[in-house]
Protein backbone atom coordinates (compact mmCIF):
# COMPACT_ATOMS: atom_id res chain seq x y z
CA MET A 1 106.26 59.31 20.45
CA ASP A 2 102.87 58.25 18.75
CA ILE A 3 101.83 59.61 15.68
CA ALA A 4 97.97 60.02 15.42
CA ARG A 5 97.34 58.25 12.32
CA PRO A 6 93.41 59.47 11.18
CA GLU A 7 92.81 57.19 8.45
CA LEU A 8 93.15 53.66 9.41
CA ARG A 9 90.10 54.56 12.12
CA ARG A 10 88.40 55.58 9.18
CA ARG A 11 89.53 52.45 7.14
CA LYS A 12 88.11 49.96 10.14
CA LYS A 13 84.70 52.14 10.02
CA ILE A 14 84.24 51.07 6.69
CA ARG A 15 85.14 47.27 7.12
CA ARG A 16 83.13 47.08 9.94
CA TYR A 17 80.40 48.45 7.66
CA ILE A 18 81.27 46.27 4.67
CA TYR A 19 81.13 43.21 7.09
CA GLY A 20 77.98 44.33 8.60
CA GLY A 21 76.69 44.54 5.07
CA VAL A 22 77.53 40.99 4.26
CA ALA A 23 75.96 39.39 6.81
CA LEU A 24 72.97 41.49 6.44
CA LEU A 25 73.20 40.14 2.96
CA ALA A 26 73.55 36.81 3.65
CA VAL A 27 70.72 36.47 6.34
CA ALA A 28 68.54 38.14 3.72
CA LEU A 29 69.49 35.29 1.23
CA ALA A 30 69.22 32.49 3.80
CA THR A 31 65.38 33.85 4.52
CA ALA A 32 64.86 34.08 0.92
CA ALA A 33 66.53 30.27 -0.14
CA LEU A 34 64.51 29.34 3.08
CA ALA A 35 61.02 30.51 2.05
CA ARG A 36 61.59 28.31 -0.89
CA LEU A 37 61.63 25.45 0.48
CA LYS A 38 58.33 23.46 0.43
CA PRO A 39 56.75 22.45 4.29
CA ALA A 40 57.55 18.78 4.84
CA ALA A 41 55.30 16.43 3.57
CA PRO A 42 53.11 14.62 6.69
CA SER A 43 53.80 10.92 6.85
CA VAL A 44 50.52 8.68 6.73
CA ASP A 45 50.80 4.71 8.06
CA ARG A 46 49.94 2.82 4.80
CA SER A 47 48.29 -0.18 6.92
CA THR A 48 45.62 2.51 7.54
CA ILE A 49 44.19 3.65 4.04
CA TRP A 50 42.77 2.27 1.37
CA THR A 51 43.58 2.23 -2.24
CA ASP A 52 42.10 1.32 -5.50
CA THR A 53 43.34 0.91 -9.20
CA VAL A 54 41.98 2.96 -11.68
CA LYS A 55 40.12 0.37 -14.76
CA ARG A 56 38.59 0.42 -17.86
CA GLY A 57 35.54 -2.10 -18.72
CA PRO A 58 31.96 -2.69 -18.14
CA MET A 59 30.24 -1.32 -14.76
CA LEU A 60 27.22 -2.12 -12.89
CA ARG A 61 25.09 0.81 -11.59
CA GLU A 62 23.63 -0.23 -8.82
CA VAL A 63 21.89 1.48 -5.42
CA ARG A 64 21.76 -0.79 -1.87
CA GLY A 65 19.50 -0.28 0.92
CA LEU A 66 18.36 -1.77 4.43
CA GLY A 67 14.58 -3.13 5.12
CA THR A 68 12.66 -6.29 6.15
CA LEU A 69 10.66 -8.60 4.96
CA VAL A 70 6.97 -7.89 4.80
CA PRO A 71 3.85 -9.83 3.60
CA GLU A 72 2.37 -8.80 0.73
CA THR A 73 -1.20 -9.94 1.82
CA ILE A 74 -2.39 -7.98 5.29
CA GLN A 75 -5.59 -8.89 6.13
CA VAL A 76 -7.17 -6.39 9.06
CA VAL A 77 -9.82 -7.22 11.44
CA PRO A 78 -11.80 -4.41 12.21
CA ALA A 79 -15.01 -4.84 15.13
CA MET A 80 -18.20 -4.97 12.83
CA SER A 81 -20.18 -3.62 15.94
CA ALA A 82 -18.95 -2.09 19.24
CA GLY A 83 -18.83 -4.59 22.34
CA ARG A 84 -16.84 -5.87 24.92
CA VAL A 85 -14.61 -8.14 24.35
CA GLU A 86 -15.06 -11.46 26.46
CA LYS A 87 -12.62 -14.14 25.10
CA ARG A 88 -9.17 -14.29 23.51
CA PHE A 89 -8.69 -17.51 21.77
CA VAL A 90 -5.46 -17.05 19.97
CA LEU A 91 -2.62 -15.27 20.47
CA PRO A 92 0.29 -13.64 17.91
CA GLY A 93 2.35 -16.02 16.25
CA THR A 94 -0.44 -18.54 16.11
CA ALA A 95 -1.11 -19.99 12.31
CA VAL A 96 -5.11 -19.33 12.01
CA LYS A 97 -7.59 -20.80 9.27
CA ALA A 98 -10.05 -17.89 7.52
CA ASN A 99 -12.58 -19.28 9.91
CA THR A 100 -10.54 -19.31 12.72
CA VAL A 101 -12.60 -17.41 15.99
CA ILE A 102 -9.69 -15.16 17.60
CA LEU A 103 -12.23 -13.20 19.15
CA LEU A 104 -15.90 -13.36 21.27
CA LEU A 105 -17.37 -10.48 21.98
CA SER A 106 -20.55 -9.36 23.74
CA ASP A 107 -23.43 -6.79 23.64
CA PRO A 108 -26.46 -7.23 25.01
CA GLN A 109 -28.47 -4.42 23.56
CA LEU A 110 -27.46 -5.91 19.88
CA GLN A 111 -29.01 -9.37 20.83
CA GLN A 112 -32.21 -7.72 21.57
CA GLU A 113 -32.06 -5.71 18.78
CA THR A 114 -31.41 -8.75 17.05
CA LEU A 115 -34.61 -10.54 18.84
CA ASP A 116 -36.86 -7.88 17.91
CA ALA A 117 -36.02 -7.84 14.28
CA GLU A 118 -36.55 -11.65 14.44
CA TYR A 119 -40.54 -11.34 15.72
CA GLN A 120 -41.09 -8.24 13.57
CA LEU A 121 -39.75 -10.56 10.45
CA LYS A 122 -42.45 -13.56 11.93
CA GLY A 123 -44.90 -10.88 12.24
CA ALA A 124 -44.64 -9.43 8.66
CA GLN A 125 -45.13 -12.95 7.15
CA ALA A 126 -48.04 -13.70 9.56
CA SER A 127 -49.25 -10.84 8.13
CA TYR A 128 -48.82 -11.86 4.95
CA LEU A 129 -50.27 -14.73 5.13
CA GLN A 130 -53.25 -13.45 6.50
CA THR A 131 -53.45 -10.98 3.42
CA LYS A 132 -53.79 -13.22 1.10
CA ALA A 133 -56.19 -15.29 2.95
CA ASN A 134 -58.27 -12.72 3.03
CA LEU A 135 -57.82 -11.62 -0.25
CA GLU A 136 -58.58 -15.26 -1.15
CA ASN A 137 -61.85 -14.91 0.62
CA GLN A 138 -62.78 -11.87 -0.58
CA LEU A 139 -62.04 -13.46 -4.34
CA MET A 140 -64.54 -16.68 -3.83
CA ASP A 141 -67.31 -14.48 -2.88
CA LYS A 142 -67.06 -12.68 -5.80
CA ARG A 143 -66.75 -15.65 -7.91
CA THR A 144 -69.96 -16.65 -5.77
CA SER A 145 -71.65 -13.16 -6.39
CA ALA A 146 -70.78 -13.52 -10.34
CA ALA A 147 -71.72 -17.05 -10.53
CA ASN A 148 -75.36 -16.46 -9.08
CA ILE A 149 -75.97 -13.43 -11.51
CA SER A 150 -74.94 -15.29 -14.41
CA SER A 151 -77.08 -18.26 -12.98
CA GLN A 152 -79.57 -15.60 -13.13
CA TYR A 153 -79.00 -14.10 -16.69
CA ARG A 154 -78.93 -17.82 -17.65
CA THR A 155 -82.44 -18.76 -16.53
CA ALA A 156 -83.93 -15.21 -17.95
CA ASP A 157 -81.84 -15.77 -21.25
CA MET A 158 -83.83 -19.07 -21.10
CA THR A 159 -87.55 -17.46 -20.10
CA LYS A 160 -87.09 -15.07 -22.54
CA LYS A 161 -86.73 -17.08 -25.76
CA TYR A 162 -89.50 -19.06 -24.08
CA TYR A 163 -91.64 -16.32 -23.92
CA GLU A 164 -91.06 -15.20 -27.59
CA GLN A 165 -91.90 -18.61 -28.59
CA LEU A 166 -95.40 -18.31 -26.60
CA GLY A 167 -95.47 -14.83 -28.08
CA ASN A 168 -95.22 -15.88 -31.65
CA LEU A 169 -98.29 -18.28 -31.24
CA GLY A 170 -99.99 -15.54 -29.57
CA LEU A 171 -99.68 -17.55 -26.46
CA LYS A 172 -98.27 -14.14 -24.58
CA SER A 173 -99.08 -10.53 -24.20
CA GLU A 174 -96.54 -8.80 -25.74
CA LEU A 175 -95.92 -6.97 -22.55
CA ASP A 176 -95.22 -10.26 -20.85
CA VAL A 177 -92.66 -11.18 -23.64
CA LYS A 178 -90.96 -7.62 -23.89
CA THR A 179 -90.83 -7.97 -19.91
CA GLU A 180 -88.51 -10.51 -20.00
CA GLU A 181 -86.70 -9.37 -22.75
CA VAL A 182 -85.94 -6.75 -20.61
CA GLN A 183 -84.97 -8.60 -17.71
CA ALA A 184 -82.77 -11.06 -19.36
CA GLU A 185 -81.02 -7.89 -20.80
CA GLU A 186 -80.28 -6.16 -17.44
CA LEU A 187 -79.11 -9.90 -16.26
CA ALA A 188 -76.46 -9.20 -19.04
CA LYS A 189 -75.44 -6.48 -17.91
CA GLU A 190 -75.38 -7.33 -14.66
CA ASN A 191 -73.26 -10.63 -15.65
CA THR A 192 -71.05 -8.41 -17.60
CA LEU A 193 -69.79 -6.67 -14.75
CA ALA A 194 -70.22 -9.41 -12.71
CA GLN A 195 -67.11 -10.88 -14.17
CA GLN A 196 -65.05 -7.71 -14.76
CA GLU A 197 -65.34 -7.23 -11.52
CA VAL A 198 -63.78 -10.60 -10.32
CA GLN A 199 -61.24 -10.66 -12.98
CA THR A 200 -60.29 -6.73 -11.51
CA PHE A 201 -60.00 -8.30 -8.19
CA GLN A 202 -58.39 -11.01 -9.35
CA ASP A 203 -55.46 -9.01 -11.02
CA SER A 204 -55.40 -6.11 -7.83
CA ILE A 205 -54.28 -9.08 -5.47
CA PRO A 206 -50.36 -9.50 -6.40
CA ALA A 207 -50.20 -5.80 -6.14
CA GLN A 208 -51.84 -5.66 -2.67
CA LEU A 209 -49.51 -8.91 -1.97
CA ALA A 210 -46.57 -7.04 -2.82
CA VAL A 211 -47.39 -4.30 -0.10
CA ALA A 212 -47.26 -6.85 2.23
CA GLN A 213 -44.16 -8.92 0.81
CA ALA A 214 -42.34 -5.46 0.48
CA THR A 215 -43.06 -5.22 4.60
CA ILE A 216 -41.03 -8.63 4.75
CA ASP A 217 -38.36 -7.72 2.67
CA GLN A 218 -37.76 -4.84 4.51
CA LYS A 219 -37.96 -7.20 7.95
CA GLN A 220 -35.78 -9.95 6.32
CA ALA A 221 -32.91 -7.35 5.78
CA MET A 222 -33.16 -5.44 9.17
CA TYR A 223 -33.41 -8.78 10.87
CA ALA A 224 -30.28 -10.06 8.62
CA LEU A 225 -28.35 -7.23 9.39
CA LYS A 226 -29.08 -7.74 12.78
CA LYS A 227 -28.44 -11.24 12.49
CA SER A 228 -24.92 -10.65 10.50
CA GLN A 229 -24.03 -8.27 12.89
CA LEU A 230 -24.21 -10.55 16.00
CA ASP A 231 -22.29 -13.38 14.37
CA ASN A 232 -19.69 -10.99 13.80
CA LEU A 233 -19.20 -10.63 17.22
CA GLN A 234 -17.37 -13.77 16.85
CA VAL A 235 -14.42 -12.22 15.32
CA ARG A 236 -12.96 -14.51 12.69
CA ALA A 237 -8.96 -14.23 10.89
CA GLY A 238 -10.93 -13.62 7.12
CA ILE A 239 -8.47 -15.71 5.84
CA ASP A 240 -5.25 -18.23 5.77
CA GLY A 241 -2.14 -16.81 7.75
CA VAL A 242 -0.49 -16.19 10.95
CA LEU A 243 -1.81 -13.74 13.49
CA GLN A 244 0.49 -10.97 13.34
CA GLU A 245 -0.97 -8.40 15.51
CA LEU A 246 -4.09 -8.87 18.63
CA ASP A 247 -4.41 -5.25 19.89
CA VAL A 248 -6.99 -6.02 22.16
CA ASP A 249 -7.71 -7.55 26.18
CA VAL A 250 -10.43 -9.33 27.53
CA GLY A 251 -12.94 -7.14 29.23
CA GLN A 252 -11.65 -4.12 27.09
CA GLN A 253 -14.82 -2.15 25.41
CA VAL A 254 -14.28 -1.45 21.73
CA THR A 255 -16.28 0.97 18.69
CA GLU A 256 -17.45 -0.03 15.47
CA GLY A 257 -14.54 0.28 12.89
CA ALA A 258 -11.85 -0.08 16.04
CA VAL A 259 -8.66 -2.51 14.22
CA LEU A 260 -8.88 -5.55 16.56
CA ALA A 261 -5.77 -7.56 14.71
CA LYS A 262 -3.75 -8.00 11.80
CA VAL A 263 -3.28 -11.38 9.69
CA ALA A 264 -0.76 -11.52 7.62
CA GLN A 265 0.84 -14.89 5.09
CA PRO A 266 3.72 -15.81 5.65
CA THR A 267 4.45 -17.14 2.21
CA GLN A 268 3.52 -14.50 0.19
CA LEU A 269 6.46 -12.20 1.42
CA LYS A 270 7.84 -8.92 -0.24
CA ALA A 271 11.55 -6.65 0.53
CA SER A 272 10.43 -3.36 1.67
CA LEU A 273 13.99 -1.28 1.62
CA GLN A 274 14.44 2.18 2.34
CA ILE A 275 16.81 3.88 0.12
CA ALA A 276 18.76 7.20 0.74
CA GLU A 277 16.28 10.13 -1.86
CA THR A 278 19.31 11.00 -3.73
CA GLN A 279 19.99 7.24 -4.92
CA ALA A 280 15.98 6.53 -5.18
CA LYS A 281 15.62 9.28 -8.28
CA ASP A 282 17.20 6.85 -10.91
CA ILE A 283 14.76 3.42 -9.69
CA ALA A 284 12.29 2.58 -12.10
CA LEU A 285 9.68 -0.19 -11.71
CA GLY A 286 10.51 -3.59 -12.81
CA GLN A 287 13.95 -3.10 -12.55
CA THR A 288 16.22 -6.30 -11.04
CA ALA A 289 17.02 -6.53 -7.69
CA SER A 290 18.85 -8.74 -5.53
CA ILE A 291 18.00 -9.34 -1.48
CA ASP A 292 20.34 -10.56 1.00
CA THR A 293 18.81 -12.56 4.25
CA HIS A 294 21.66 -13.71 5.31
CA ASN A 295 20.94 -16.82 4.94
CA GLY A 296 20.55 -16.69 1.28
CA ILE A 297 20.04 -14.14 -1.62
CA ILE A 298 16.59 -14.20 -3.28
CA PRO A 299 16.14 -12.57 -6.97
CA GLY A 300 13.46 -10.11 -7.28
CA HIS A 301 12.27 -6.87 -9.39
CA VAL A 302 10.56 -3.75 -7.84
CA MET A 303 6.95 -3.52 -7.69
CA ARG A 304 6.15 -0.08 -6.03
CA ILE A 305 8.10 3.09 -5.47
CA ASP A 306 6.87 4.95 -2.61
CA PRO A 307 6.22 8.66 -3.43
CA ALA A 308 6.63 10.26 -0.24
CA VAL A 309 10.36 10.96 1.64
CA VAL A 310 10.57 10.44 4.93
CA ASN A 311 13.54 11.03 7.15
CA GLY A 312 15.51 11.83 3.57
CA THR A 313 14.71 7.82 2.64
CA ARG A 314 11.86 6.54 0.11
CA THR A 315 10.57 3.23 0.56
CA VAL A 316 10.78 0.60 -2.36
CA ASP A 317 9.17 -2.61 -2.11
CA VAL A 318 10.80 -5.46 -4.27
CA LYS A 319 8.79 -8.95 -5.20
CA LEU A 320 10.38 -11.61 -4.71
CA ASP A 321 11.12 -14.01 -7.73
CA GLY A 322 12.22 -16.98 -5.77
CA PRO A 323 11.70 -19.80 -3.08
CA LEU A 324 11.73 -18.27 0.65
CA PRO A 325 15.05 -19.56 2.09
CA PRO A 326 14.55 -20.98 5.19
CA GLY A 327 14.51 -18.89 8.54
CA ALA A 328 12.62 -15.83 6.11
CA VAL A 329 10.01 -14.71 8.35
CA PRO A 330 8.15 -11.28 8.29
CA ASP A 331 10.21 -8.60 9.46
CA LEU A 332 13.35 -10.11 8.69
CA SER A 333 16.04 -7.63 8.60
CA VAL A 334 17.55 -7.63 5.33
CA GLU A 335 20.00 -6.10 2.49
CA GLY A 336 18.98 -5.27 -0.52
CA THR A 337 20.62 -4.07 -4.33
CA ILE A 338 18.43 -2.60 -6.79
CA LEU A 339 20.42 -2.66 -10.60
CA LEU A 340 20.07 0.84 -12.42
CA GLN A 341 22.15 0.05 -15.39
CA ARG A 342 24.90 -1.77 -16.90
CA LEU A 343 27.43 0.89 -18.62
CA SER A 344 29.31 -1.59 -20.80
CA ASP A 345 32.75 0.63 -21.37
CA VAL A 346 33.84 3.45 -18.84
CA LEU A 347 36.68 4.36 -16.66
CA TYR A 348 35.64 3.24 -12.99
CA VAL A 349 37.43 3.25 -9.55
CA GLY A 350 36.32 2.07 -6.18
CA ARG A 351 33.98 4.99 -4.72
CA PRO A 352 35.73 7.56 -2.31
CA VAL A 353 34.59 7.82 0.89
CA HIS A 354 34.13 11.39 0.01
CA GLY A 355 32.90 11.81 -3.48
CA ASP A 356 29.33 12.28 -4.83
CA PRO A 357 28.61 11.63 -8.55
CA GLU A 358 28.94 14.16 -10.72
CA THR A 359 31.39 16.03 -8.49
CA THR A 360 34.92 17.38 -8.80
CA VAL A 361 37.21 16.10 -6.16
CA GLY A 362 40.96 16.19 -4.91
CA LEU A 363 42.16 12.34 -4.94
CA PHE A 364 45.51 11.15 -3.36
CA LYS A 365 47.39 10.09 -6.63
CA LEU A 366 50.35 7.54 -5.86
CA THR A 367 53.45 8.05 -7.40
CA ASP A 368 55.18 6.21 -9.22
CA ASP A 369 57.75 4.49 -6.34
CA GLY A 370 54.58 4.03 -4.01
CA ASN A 371 56.00 6.11 -1.04
CA GLU A 372 54.45 9.53 -1.48
CA ALA A 373 50.28 10.34 -2.97
CA VAL A 374 49.76 13.93 -4.47
CA ARG A 375 46.65 15.25 -4.28
CA VAL A 376 45.04 16.30 -8.44
CA PRO A 377 41.30 17.24 -8.73
CA VAL A 378 39.20 14.54 -10.22
CA ALA A 379 35.69 14.52 -12.06
CA LEU A 380 33.18 11.94 -11.23
CA GLY A 381 30.14 11.21 -12.93
CA ARG A 382 27.65 8.01 -12.43
CA ALA A 383 27.89 5.93 -9.20
CA SER A 384 27.52 2.74 -7.96
CA VAL A 385 27.28 1.30 -4.99
CA ASN A 386 30.85 0.58 -4.77
CA THR A 387 32.08 2.06 -7.41
CA ILE A 388 32.44 5.61 -9.55
CA GLU A 389 32.92 6.54 -13.43
CA ILE A 390 36.06 8.48 -14.29
CA LEU A 391 34.95 11.57 -16.53
CA LYS A 392 39.07 13.58 -16.09
CA GLY A 393 42.09 13.85 -14.13
CA LEU A 394 43.07 9.86 -13.77
CA ARG A 395 44.30 7.13 -16.32
CA VAL A 396 44.19 3.28 -16.50
CA GLY A 397 46.77 1.96 -13.94
CA ASP A 398 46.52 5.35 -11.80
CA GLN A 399 46.13 3.99 -7.96
CA VAL A 400 44.50 6.47 -5.39
CA ILE A 401 43.47 7.01 -1.92
CA LEU A 402 39.81 6.06 -1.47
CA SER A 403 40.01 6.60 2.38
CA ASP A 404 38.59 9.67 4.80
CA MET A 405 41.71 11.97 4.63
CA SER A 406 40.00 15.09 5.66
CA ALA A 407 42.41 15.59 7.96
CA TYR A 408 45.19 16.45 5.23
CA ASP A 409 42.89 19.01 3.65
CA ASN A 410 45.65 21.31 3.42
CA ASP A 411 48.59 19.46 2.19
CA ASP A 412 49.37 19.23 -1.78
CA ARG A 413 51.55 15.54 -0.76
CA VAL A 414 51.77 13.20 1.60
CA ASP A 415 54.67 10.18 2.61
CA LEU A 416 53.02 6.64 2.80
CA LYS A 417 55.52 4.68 5.57
């Protein structure tokens, strides 16, 4: 017969509770341990990254930009008068002299106006000659009249003196003597007035001729203007160089002032570079530069900085200080480097893909064994084309990854395989 033992059942229940508590504690401890474990670092193929070593020493601050060679001197050839294009003598790319005729224009109205101006000039010149002849004839008449009066005066004066002698001898009455004296005095006055009239008229001749000459000058200027406009229908290059553009076709009607062509001097070129706005702020006139034409490097210096910003860039013109290499022609694509500053003793490294000047960025620094890279904050300073100054966060000899690591922004370390 079985005997009931309640204490055994109680002991089993307590034992189950103990085992359950121990199991729960073990699960909690395991969970806490797993939580403390670091996640596995992602692997990065070493061949896909670009690294550089931190150095100390001199650093050149430079900026770089792409551009083209452009002529320093470009002659714009405008239409001096309206007309229609009759002939085209040269095509773009042709070497021309200053007096080379590029185009021939026609303007029948201008031709008629030039002819009218020429006839008006000839008419004014003929009128001048006629006026001059008339004035000379009038002067001659006045001189003749004055000569007659002078002759009469001298005769009267001689008669007066003769009568005075006779009067003194009692051979002429006093009345006759007085009469001759009065006539002589009157003729003296007339003679003086006649001489003055001749002189006054002679003095007035230049003024009267000046009026006629002014008319000639006016007609001459008008004719010269029309003749010049007519001559300019033969459109010339204006300078020695190469015809760059020809913007009109035969038969086209052009207005006065319209641009017909452009002539450039290919031996005098400059480099026109496009520099990012953020980098152009440190560029100054006179800074040295080098222009790579892909067939040689030409030294130069900054000669102009365009104040306007277009599409985030500014145009910087560099004057070439050296000879042009073979094949250097206008519109040739070039690459220019401008020296901003020489830093004598700074801590620097190659410029990372994502590293702007005067910012703090996270860079992956290689560990001593080179198998891992750990993210460290790095304060960056002044930058150049390929290098950048280190202000804080790295030391000489440290190796950092410069290539794009944006895919690992959420990781503080990576394994290098």
